[in-house]
Amino acid sequence: MDTALLIVILLTGFYMAWNIGANDVANAMGTSVGSGALTLRGAVILASILEFSGAFFFGSHVSKTMQSGIINADLFANDPRILVYGMLAALAAAGLWLQIASYYGWPVSTTHSIVGAIVGFGAVVGGLEAIYWKKVAFIISSWILSPILGGILGYYIFSMLRKKIFYALNPLEAARRLTPYIVFVVVSVLALVLVFEGLRNLHFDLSLMQKGFLTLGMALLGAGISYLLVRRIAPQRQTVLAPVSSSYGEDVTHSLERARKHLQKVSTSTSGELQYHVGLLVEEVKGIEQTIQQKSEVNINRSEYLKVEKIFGYLQIMSACMMAFAHGANDVANAIGPLSAAVAILTTGIYAVDAPVPTWALALGGVGIVIGLATWGWRVIETIGKKITELTPSRGFAAEFGAATTIVLASRLGMPISTTHTLVGAVLGVGFARGLEAVNLTTTRDIIISWLVTVPLGAIIAIVLFYPIRAIFG
């Protein structure tokens, strides 16, 4: 029976990881697909590599929080199998709710789901004293702080980009000049995670100075490559705008100019009512000329902004990689933490709070996440990428960079924050930077409601599933 139970737990953990990919990874890649920086196929390929890497090399920290930081496992010391049944119920409950949400394209929080499920079964089986309420409050506070911090970073980053690049006299040249510095900062944040945590998990022992030099070297390499790439984009010619519109052609503008000059001659050689009416005609022709001139300037500016957005398209691909890595590091814990706790009990007969998270478990979670994105991820991608606010590569980059930075910092502190909350907060921050009217408040309201119902639903479903699981395997 233990073998059958172990197989069921492994399958359920994989099922949970699959749903994480279908829902949360779609959040991570939705901005890139929505802005057009990545195709859905490209997003799946990049996420496959980066999500797995983040889960495998950096996922153990938050997994330990999920494994032993929510309920008091000592209360199950006399019968540790009860904890196994509870963790299995929690995984199944969270996975079931996530599958329903993903089907309808709701970007709910996998962290909410699994934490709610664990708290639900823990409170029913072990009583309220079985819950580490202080730690749960710490986790809940991170759910509140993460969208706020993500929104602030997204707002600030996009506002800075608009001020320094899009409002510059020469936006393309400003983008060419600032891109290496932007890349340096982005790569530095990602390199800090890789060097200080990933190498430690791989048992590479480097001194603090060596790690610092390695981080600096990676950041400088990224900045150097970006410098060479942006130099290949032809600069915008700085010429005086001629009163020529691509929509009407030179003949129209020249004819209007001649007509205005002839009318001005008539106006100067007449008087009275005729002079008044001719003067009105002169002003009307001037207005038409100005309209054509403005359209000409808009067309030229659009051409330049398209080149700027092309640069940010590459930057967003890089930030999407960072987001995917950060997400894999943080959210693999939602599947692997409970799974590791259950497997430890079944294989040893006891539960050790400090038991290491198996490497194969991290790999299992990483594979499940990638498959989930590839099969069902498009449903939530549409909501995040298109239904909150209109995204361009520059806006998507600001949102992803702000969210990824928040998630990386939280992962380092062992805080199982919600990727959904963080990214939605960052996207809203970018939208609010353009004004309240740029945000779809109806979609935002629906997302917030889905956040509120996820925790109690996770708890209720886990409680309902716990009793039949115990009856079958007990």
Protein backbone atom coordinates (compact mmCIF):
# COMPACT_ATOMS: atom_id res chain seq x y z
CA MET A 1 0.00 0.00 0.00
CA ASP A 2 2.91 2.33 0.72
CA THR A 3 4.19 1.83 -2.82
CA ALA A 4 0.79 2.68 -4.28
CA LEU A 5 0.51 5.71 -2.00
CA LEU A 6 3.99 6.87 -3.01
CA ILE A 7 3.09 6.59 -6.70
CA VAL A 8 -0.12 8.55 -6.15
CA ILE A 9 1.79 11.28 -4.30
CA LEU A 10 4.37 11.58 -7.07
CA LEU A 11 1.65 11.77 -9.73
CA THR A 12 -0.28 14.36 -7.72
CA GLY A 13 2.87 16.44 -7.21
CA PHE A 14 3.49 16.33 -10.95
CA TYR A 15 -0.17 17.25 -11.54
CA MET A 16 0.22 20.25 -9.25
CA ALA A 17 3.41 21.31 -11.05
CA TRP A 18 1.58 20.96 -14.38
CA ASN A 19 -1.11 23.35 -13.16
CA ILE A 20 1.54 25.79 -11.91
CA GLY A 21 2.88 25.88 -15.46
CA ALA A 22 -0.58 26.33 -16.95
CA ASN A 23 -1.46 29.22 -14.65
CA ASP A 24 1.52 30.90 -13.01
CA VAL A 25 4.10 30.44 -15.77
CA ALA A 26 1.53 31.87 -18.14
CA ASN A 27 1.52 34.93 -15.87
CA ALA A 28 5.28 35.15 -16.15
CA MET A 29 5.34 34.95 -19.95
CA GLY A 30 2.00 36.66 -20.65
CA THR A 31 3.41 40.18 -20.87
CA SER A 32 6.04 39.12 -23.43
CA VAL A 33 3.50 37.36 -25.63
CA GLY A 34 0.94 40.14 -25.20
CA SER A 35 3.38 42.85 -26.28
CA GLY A 36 4.54 40.84 -29.30
CA ALA A 37 8.13 40.50 -28.08
CA LEU A 38 7.77 36.71 -28.04
CA THR A 39 5.64 34.23 -29.91
CA LEU A 40 3.88 31.56 -27.87
CA ARG A 41 6.34 28.95 -29.16
CA GLY A 42 9.31 31.15 -28.26
CA ALA A 43 7.88 31.72 -24.79
CA VAL A 44 7.49 27.98 -24.24
CA ILE A 45 11.08 27.27 -25.33
CA LEU A 46 12.58 30.00 -23.14
CA ALA A 47 10.40 29.07 -20.19
CA SER A 48 11.38 25.42 -20.55
CA ILE A 49 15.03 26.26 -20.02
CA LEU A 50 14.75 29.04 -17.44
CA GLU A 51 11.87 27.65 -15.37
CA PHE A 52 13.62 24.32 -15.02
CA SER A 53 16.92 26.02 -14.14
CA GLY A 54 15.33 28.20 -11.48
CA ALA A 55 13.46 25.26 -9.95
CA PHE A 56 16.46 22.91 -10.01
CA PHE A 57 19.22 25.25 -8.81
CA PHE A 58 17.35 27.61 -6.48
CA GLY A 59 14.02 26.08 -5.56
CA SER A 60 15.01 24.35 -2.33
CA HIS A 61 14.85 27.47 -0.09
CA VAL A 62 11.15 28.18 -0.55
CA SER A 63 10.36 24.45 -0.73
CA LYS A 64 11.57 24.13 2.86
CA THR A 65 9.22 26.93 3.88
CA MET A 66 6.28 25.11 2.26
CA GLN A 67 7.45 21.78 3.66
CA SER A 68 7.70 22.69 7.33
CA GLY A 69 6.87 26.35 7.85
CA ILE A 70 3.06 26.35 7.86
CA ILE A 71 1.86 23.56 10.16
CA ASN A 72 3.40 22.04 13.28
CA ALA A 73 4.41 18.58 12.12
CA ASP A 74 5.28 17.55 15.69
CA LEU A 75 1.57 17.16 16.39
CA PHE A 76 1.57 14.29 13.86
CA ALA A 77 4.56 12.51 15.44
CA ASN A 78 2.43 9.62 16.75
CA ASP A 79 0.91 8.99 13.34
CA PRO A 80 2.98 10.71 10.61
CA ARG A 81 0.91 9.06 7.88
CA ILE A 82 -1.88 11.51 8.73
CA LEU A 83 0.45 14.25 7.54
CA VAL A 84 1.07 12.28 4.33
CA TYR A 85 -2.67 12.11 3.67
CA GLY A 86 -2.99 15.80 4.40
CA MET A 87 -0.17 16.81 2.03
CA LEU A 88 -1.67 14.60 -0.68
CA ALA A 89 -5.07 16.22 -0.15
CA ALA A 90 -3.49 19.67 -0.27
CA LEU A 91 -1.69 18.94 -3.57
CA ALA A 92 -4.83 17.47 -5.14
CA ALA A 93 -7.04 20.33 -3.93
CA ALA A 94 -4.72 23.06 -5.14
CA GLY A 95 -4.19 21.33 -8.48
CA LEU A 96 -7.92 20.87 -9.03
CA TRP A 97 -8.75 24.51 -8.33
CA LEU A 98 -5.88 25.68 -10.54
CA GLN A 99 -7.07 23.52 -13.41
CA ILE A 100 -10.56 25.01 -13.17
CA ALA A 101 -9.13 28.53 -13.02
CA SER A 102 -6.78 27.91 -15.95
CA TYR A 103 -9.62 26.56 -18.06
CA TYR A 104 -11.45 29.87 -17.69
CA GLY A 105 -8.29 31.95 -18.02
CA TRP A 106 -8.32 33.23 -14.43
CA PRO A 107 -4.82 34.17 -13.22
CA VAL A 108 -5.16 32.91 -9.65
CA SER A 109 -2.33 32.34 -7.23
CA THR A 110 -0.86 28.85 -6.89
CA THR A 111 0.72 29.97 -3.61
CA HIS A 112 -2.71 30.96 -2.28
CA SER A 113 -4.08 27.59 -3.33
CA ILE A 114 -1.49 25.38 -1.67
CA VAL A 115 -1.11 27.45 1.51
CA GLY A 116 -4.89 27.58 1.93
CA ALA A 117 -5.11 23.82 1.40
CA ILE A 118 -2.36 23.07 3.94
CA VAL A 119 -3.90 25.40 6.52
CA GLY A 120 -7.34 23.87 5.93
CA PHE A 121 -6.41 20.25 6.52
CA GLY A 122 -3.98 21.19 9.31
CA ALA A 123 -6.63 23.10 11.24
CA VAL A 124 -9.21 20.31 10.91
CA VAL A 125 -6.91 17.40 11.72
CA GLY A 126 -4.52 18.95 14.23
CA GLY A 127 -6.64 21.81 15.50
CA LEU A 128 -5.91 25.52 15.31
CA GLU A 129 -2.76 24.99 17.41
CA ALA A 130 -1.29 22.94 14.54
CA ILE A 131 -0.92 26.08 12.44
CA TYR A 132 2.10 28.37 12.69
CA TRP A 133 -0.08 31.45 12.60
CA LYS A 134 2.84 33.87 12.86
CA LYS A 135 4.46 32.32 9.80
CA VAL A 136 1.15 32.25 7.99
CA ALA A 137 0.72 35.95 8.81
CA PHE A 138 4.24 36.54 7.46
CA ILE A 139 3.31 34.77 4.22
CA ILE A 140 0.03 36.70 3.95
CA SER A 141 1.87 39.98 4.49
CA SER A 142 4.15 39.08 1.61
CA TRP A 143 1.06 38.61 -0.60
CA ILE A 144 0.06 42.17 0.24
CA LEU A 145 3.51 43.68 -0.04
CA SER A 146 4.54 41.92 -3.25
CA PRO A 147 1.97 43.54 -5.60
CA ILE A 148 2.61 46.91 -3.97
CA LEU A 149 6.37 46.59 -4.40
CA GLY A 150 5.95 45.16 -7.90
CA GLY A 151 3.61 48.01 -8.81
CA ILE A 152 5.96 50.65 -7.43
CA LEU A 153 8.94 49.21 -9.30
CA GLY A 154 6.93 48.82 -12.52
CA TYR A 155 5.61 52.39 -12.23
CA TYR A 156 9.04 53.85 -11.50
CA ILE A 157 10.86 51.89 -14.20
CA PHE A 158 8.36 52.77 -16.92
CA SER A 159 8.20 56.42 -15.83
CA MET A 160 11.98 56.60 -15.99
CA LEU A 161 12.02 55.03 -19.46
CA ARG A 162 9.45 57.54 -20.71
CA LYS A 163 11.37 60.47 -19.26
CA LYS A 164 14.83 59.40 -20.37
CA ILE A 165 13.96 57.87 -23.75
CA PHE A 166 10.49 58.53 -25.13
CA TYR A 167 10.43 62.21 -24.10
CA ALA A 168 13.99 62.83 -25.34
CA LEU A 169 14.64 64.99 -28.39
CA ASN A 170 16.08 61.93 -30.11
CA PRO A 171 14.38 58.85 -28.56
CA LEU A 172 16.27 56.31 -30.65
CA GLU A 173 19.67 57.72 -29.80
CA ALA A 174 18.69 57.88 -26.13
CA ALA A 175 17.65 54.22 -26.25
CA ARG A 176 20.93 53.27 -27.96
CA ARG A 177 22.89 55.10 -25.28
CA LEU A 178 21.01 53.78 -22.22
CA THR A 179 20.44 50.17 -23.27
CA PRO A 180 23.87 48.86 -22.13
CA TYR A 181 23.32 50.37 -18.68
CA ILE A 182 19.85 48.82 -18.45
CA VAL A 183 21.24 45.43 -19.45
CA PHE A 184 24.02 45.79 -16.87
CA VAL A 185 21.47 46.25 -14.07
CA VAL A 186 19.20 43.41 -15.26
CA VAL A 187 22.06 40.93 -15.67
CA SER A 188 23.53 41.95 -12.31
CA VAL A 189 20.32 41.02 -10.49
CA LEU A 190 20.10 37.65 -12.24
CA ALA A 191 23.83 36.97 -11.81
CA LEU A 192 23.62 37.59 -8.06
CA VAL A 193 21.12 34.75 -7.80
CA LEU A 194 23.12 32.41 -10.01
CA VAL A 195 26.45 33.07 -8.32
CA PHE A 196 25.48 33.31 -4.68
CA GLU A 197 22.83 30.56 -4.63
CA GLY A 198 23.01 28.41 -7.75
CA LEU A 199 26.73 27.69 -7.37
CA ARG A 200 26.26 26.84 -3.70
CA ASN A 201 23.60 24.30 -4.57
CA LEU A 202 26.07 22.83 -7.07
CA HIS A 203 28.69 22.68 -4.26
CA PHE A 204 31.09 25.20 -5.82
CA ASP A 205 32.99 26.89 -3.01
CA LEU A 206 34.01 30.41 -4.07
CA SER A 207 35.13 33.30 -1.90
CA LEU A 208 33.03 36.43 -1.61
CA MET A 209 35.49 38.36 -3.78
CA GLN A 210 35.43 35.64 -6.46
CA LYS A 211 31.65 35.71 -6.50
CA GLY A 212 31.69 39.48 -6.79
CA PHE A 213 34.09 39.42 -9.73
CA LEU A 214 32.06 36.69 -11.43
CA THR A 215 28.86 38.70 -11.03
CA LEU A 216 30.53 41.84 -12.35
CA GLY A 217 31.99 39.93 -15.28
CA MET A 218 28.63 38.51 -16.31
CA ALA A 219 26.99 41.95 -16.08
CA LEU A 220 29.77 43.59 -18.13
CA LEU A 221 29.56 40.82 -20.74
CA GLY A 222 25.81 41.33 -21.09
CA ALA A 223 26.23 45.10 -21.34
CA GLY A 224 28.99 44.69 -23.97
CA ILE A 225 26.88 42.38 -26.11
CA SER A 226 23.91 44.74 -25.91
CA TYR A 227 26.15 47.66 -26.92
CA LEU A 228 27.25 45.83 -30.07
CA LEU A 229 23.68 44.88 -30.93
CA VAL A 230 22.15 48.36 -30.56
CA ARG A 231 24.97 49.87 -32.62
CA ARG A 232 23.66 47.84 -35.56
CA ILE A 233 20.37 49.77 -35.48
CA ALA A 234 20.65 52.71 -37.86
CA PRO A 235 20.33 56.07 -36.07
CA GLN A 236 17.46 58.37 -36.95
CA ARG A 237 18.45 61.16 -39.30
CA GLN A 238 18.06 64.56 -37.70
CA THR A 239 16.56 66.62 -40.49
CA VAL A 240 14.22 69.58 -40.46
CA LEU A 241 10.69 68.37 -40.98
CA ALA A 242 9.34 69.45 -44.33
CA PRO A 243 5.64 70.14 -44.79
CA VAL A 244 5.20 66.84 -46.62
CA SER A 245 2.75 64.16 -45.61
CA SER A 246 3.18 60.57 -46.64
CA SER A 247 -0.63 60.40 -46.78
CA TYR A 248 -1.19 63.23 -49.30
CA GLY A 249 2.07 63.78 -51.18
CA GLU A 250 3.98 66.88 -52.23
CA ASP A 251 1.49 68.00 -54.89
CA VAL A 252 -1.22 68.59 -52.29
CA THR A 253 0.98 70.57 -49.93
CA HIS A 254 2.45 72.69 -52.72
CA SER A 255 -1.00 73.42 -54.13
CA LEU A 256 -2.24 74.48 -50.69
CA GLU A 257 0.77 76.74 -50.26
CA ARG A 258 0.15 78.41 -53.64
CA ALA A 259 -3.55 78.81 -52.89
CA ARG A 260 -2.76 80.45 -49.55
CA LYS A 261 -0.35 82.93 -51.17
CA HIS A 262 -2.88 83.86 -53.87
CA LEU A 263 -5.60 84.37 -51.26
CA GLN A 264 -3.24 86.55 -49.20
CA LYS A 265 -2.68 88.75 -52.29
CA VAL A 266 -6.44 89.05 -52.79
CA SER A 267 -6.87 89.94 -49.11
CA THR A 268 -4.30 92.76 -49.28
CA SER A 269 -5.82 94.26 -52.43
CA THR A 270 -9.44 94.30 -51.26
CA SER A 271 -11.43 95.76 -48.40
CA GLY A 272 -14.71 95.43 -46.58
CA GLU A 273 -16.79 92.28 -46.57
CA LEU A 274 -14.78 90.62 -49.37
CA GLN A 275 -11.52 91.11 -47.49
CA TYR A 276 -13.15 89.60 -44.38
CA HIS A 277 -14.32 86.45 -46.19
CA VAL A 278 -10.97 86.01 -47.99
CA GLY A 279 -9.19 86.38 -44.66
CA LEU A 280 -11.30 83.54 -43.29
CA LEU A 281 -10.29 81.38 -46.25
CA VAL A 282 -6.61 82.16 -45.61
CA GLU A 283 -6.92 81.04 -41.98
CA GLU A 284 -8.73 77.87 -43.01
CA VAL A 285 -6.01 76.95 -45.53
CA LYS A 286 -3.37 77.60 -42.86
CA GLY A 287 -5.21 75.22 -40.57
CA ILE A 288 -5.25 72.52 -43.23
CA GLU A 289 -1.51 72.99 -43.79
CA GLN A 290 -0.83 72.68 -40.07
CA THR A 291 -2.91 69.49 -39.85
CA ILE A 292 -0.93 67.89 -42.66
CA GLN A 293 2.31 69.06 -41.04
CA GLN A 294 1.34 67.46 -37.72
CA LYS A 295 0.46 64.19 -39.42
CA SER A 296 3.84 64.24 -41.10
CA GLU A 297 5.59 64.71 -37.75
CA VAL A 298 3.53 61.93 -36.17
CA ASN A 299 4.49 59.55 -38.98
CA ILE A 300 8.17 60.39 -38.52
CA ASN A 301 7.94 60.00 -34.74
CA ARG A 302 6.13 56.69 -35.10
CA SER A 303 8.93 55.40 -37.30
CA GLU A 304 11.48 56.34 -34.65
CA TYR A 305 9.42 54.93 -31.78
CA LEU A 306 9.05 51.64 -33.64
CA LYS A 307 12.85 51.32 -33.65
CA VAL A 308 12.92 52.12 -29.93
CA GLU A 309 10.28 49.47 -29.25
CA LYS A 310 12.33 47.01 -31.31
CA ILE A 311 15.21 47.53 -28.87
CA PHE A 312 12.88 46.98 -25.94
CA GLY A 313 11.60 43.84 -27.64
CA TYR A 314 15.08 42.34 -27.14
CA LEU A 315 15.23 43.71 -23.60
CA GLN A 316 11.87 42.18 -22.80
CA ILE A 317 13.03 38.79 -24.00
CA MET A 318 15.89 39.10 -21.53
CA SER A 319 13.57 40.22 -18.72
CA ALA A 320 11.22 37.34 -19.59
CA CYS A 321 14.13 34.96 -19.08
CA MET A 322 14.79 36.56 -15.71
CA MET A 323 11.10 36.34 -14.82
CA ALA A 324 10.93 32.67 -15.79
CA PHE A 325 14.03 31.85 -13.74
CA ALA A 326 12.71 33.73 -10.73
CA HIS A 327 9.32 32.05 -11.05
CA GLY A 328 10.83 28.57 -11.24
CA ALA A 329 12.91 29.31 -8.13
CA ASN A 330 9.91 30.48 -6.12
CA ASP A 331 6.85 28.58 -7.26
CA VAL A 332 8.24 25.07 -7.68
CA ALA A 333 7.91 24.98 -3.88
CA ASN A 334 4.13 24.91 -4.20
CA ALA A 335 4.35 21.39 -5.62
CA ILE A 336 7.64 20.09 -4.23
CA GLY A 337 7.35 21.23 -0.61
CA PRO A 338 4.32 19.08 0.29
CA LEU A 339 5.56 16.26 -1.94
CA SER A 340 8.96 16.19 -0.22
CA ALA A 341 7.36 16.09 3.23
CA ALA A 342 5.14 13.16 2.25
CA VAL A 343 7.95 11.21 0.55
CA ALA A 344 10.24 11.69 3.57
CA ILE A 345 7.65 10.14 5.87
CA LEU A 346 6.90 7.19 3.58
CA THR A 347 10.56 6.34 2.96
CA THR A 348 11.87 6.78 6.53
CA GLY A 349 8.77 6.29 8.66
CA ILE A 350 9.43 9.58 10.50
CA TYR A 351 9.22 13.23 9.60
CA ALA A 352 12.38 15.34 9.82
CA VAL A 353 11.73 19.06 9.67
CA ASP A 354 15.19 19.76 8.28
CA ALA A 355 15.18 16.95 5.73
CA PRO A 356 16.78 18.11 2.47
CA VAL A 357 14.62 18.60 -0.59
CA PRO A 358 15.57 15.81 -3.04
CA THR A 359 17.19 16.91 -6.28
CA TRP A 360 14.96 14.60 -8.27
CA ALA A 361 11.91 16.26 -6.73
CA LEU A 362 13.05 19.66 -7.97
CA ALA A 363 13.60 18.15 -11.41
CA LEU A 364 10.12 16.60 -11.36
CA GLY A 365 8.58 19.95 -10.49
CA GLY A 366 10.54 21.73 -13.21
CA VAL A 367 9.41 19.28 -15.89
CA GLY A 368 5.78 19.49 -14.78
CA ILE A 369 5.84 23.29 -14.88
CA VAL A 370 7.19 23.33 -18.44
CA ILE A 371 4.63 20.82 -19.73
CA GLY A 372 1.80 22.78 -18.11
CA LEU A 373 2.81 25.97 -19.89
CA ALA A 374 3.12 24.21 -23.24
CA THR A 375 -0.35 22.65 -23.06
CA TRP A 376 -2.70 25.06 -21.28
CA GLY A 377 -0.70 28.22 -20.70
CA TRP A 378 -2.22 30.16 -23.59
CA ARG A 379 -5.50 30.63 -21.69
CA VAL A 380 -4.04 32.76 -18.90
CA ILE A 381 -1.49 34.40 -21.22
CA GLU A 382 -4.39 36.05 -23.04
CA THR A 383 -5.72 37.56 -19.81
CA ILE A 384 -2.38 38.90 -18.56
CA GLY A 385 -1.07 40.01 -21.95
CA LYS A 386 -4.15 41.69 -23.39
CA LYS A 387 -6.95 42.28 -20.88
CA ILE A 388 -5.39 44.37 -18.08
CA THR A 389 -3.74 47.16 -20.06
CA GLU A 390 -2.34 47.61 -23.56
CA LEU A 391 1.24 46.39 -23.58
CA THR A 392 4.17 47.29 -25.79
CA PRO A 393 7.70 45.86 -25.44
CA SER A 394 8.82 48.86 -23.34
CA ARG A 395 5.81 48.57 -21.01
CA GLY A 396 6.17 44.81 -20.80
CA PHE A 397 9.87 45.14 -19.98
CA ALA A 398 9.15 47.56 -17.15
CA ALA A 399 6.50 45.24 -15.70
CA GLU A 400 8.61 42.09 -16.01
CA PHE A 401 11.77 43.66 -14.62
CA GLY A 402 9.90 45.12 -11.64
CA ALA A 403 8.13 41.83 -10.93
CA ALA A 404 11.21 39.65 -11.42
CA THR A 405 13.29 41.80 -9.08
CA THR A 406 10.60 41.52 -6.42
CA ILE A 407 10.35 37.74 -6.81
CA VAL A 408 14.12 37.17 -6.76
CA LEU A 409 14.47 39.15 -3.53
CA ALA A 410 11.55 37.27 -1.98
CA SER A 411 13.01 33.90 -2.97
CA ARG A 412 16.30 34.82 -1.34
CA LEU A 413 14.42 35.57 1.90
CA GLY A 414 12.45 32.33 1.70
CA MET A 415 9.13 34.13 1.23
CA PRO A 416 6.65 32.09 -0.86
CA ILE A 417 5.06 35.14 -2.49
CA SER A 418 2.51 35.04 -5.26
CA THR A 419 3.94 35.52 -8.73
CA THR A 420 0.45 36.40 -9.87
CA HIS A 421 0.13 39.21 -7.33
CA THR A 422 3.57 40.56 -8.11
CA LEU A 423 3.22 40.56 -11.87
CA VAL A 424 -0.33 41.90 -11.90
CA GLY A 425 0.82 44.64 -9.53
CA ALA A 426 3.70 45.51 -11.86
CA VAL A 427 1.43 45.55 -14.93
CA LEU A 428 -1.02 47.80 -13.09
CA GLY A 429 1.86 50.07 -12.06
CA VAL A 430 2.86 50.46 -15.70
CA GLY A 431 -0.77 51.10 -16.64
CA PHE A 432 -1.25 53.72 -13.91
CA ALA A 433 1.89 55.49 -15.12
CA ARG A 434 -0.09 56.21 -18.30
CA GLY A 435 -3.23 57.26 -16.42
CA LEU A 436 -6.19 55.52 -14.81
CA GLU A 437 -7.99 55.26 -18.13
CA ALA A 438 -5.21 52.99 -19.46
CA VAL A 439 -6.20 50.21 -17.02
CA ASN A 440 -9.11 47.82 -17.52
CA LEU A 441 -10.67 48.14 -14.08
CA THR A 442 -13.25 45.41 -14.76
CA THR A 443 -10.57 42.80 -15.43
CA THR A 444 -8.59 44.05 -12.44
CA ARG A 445 -11.65 43.68 -10.21
CA ASP A 446 -12.26 40.11 -11.43
CA ILE A 447 -8.63 39.18 -10.77
CA ILE A 448 -8.74 40.55 -7.22
CA ILE A 449 -11.96 38.63 -6.53
CA SER A 450 -10.30 35.44 -7.76
CA TRP A 451 -7.45 36.10 -5.31
CA LEU A 452 -9.90 36.43 -2.42
CA VAL A 453 -11.79 33.19 -3.10
CA THR A 454 -8.72 31.06 -3.82
CA VAL A 455 -7.57 30.62 -0.20
CA PRO A 456 -10.92 29.46 1.26
CA LEU A 457 -11.64 27.27 -1.76
CA GLY A 458 -8.24 25.60 -1.45
CA ALA A 459 -8.94 24.91 2.23
CA ILE A 460 -12.45 23.58 1.63
CA ILE A 461 -11.46 21.25 -1.22
CA ALA A 462 -8.51 19.90 0.80
CA ILE A 463 -10.77 19.12 3.75
CA VAL A 464 -13.28 17.37 1.48
CA LEU A 465 -10.54 15.25 -0.17
CA PHE A 466 -8.70 14.40 3.05
CA TYR A 467 -11.30 12.02 4.47
CA PRO A 468 -11.68 9.74 1.39
CA ILE A 469 -7.88 9.66 0.98
CA ARG A 470 -7.47 8.54 4.60
CA ALA A 471 -10.24 5.97 4.16
CA ILE A 472 -8.61 4.48 1.05
CA PHE A 473 -4.99 4.36 2.22
CA GLY A 474 -5.48 4.19 6.00
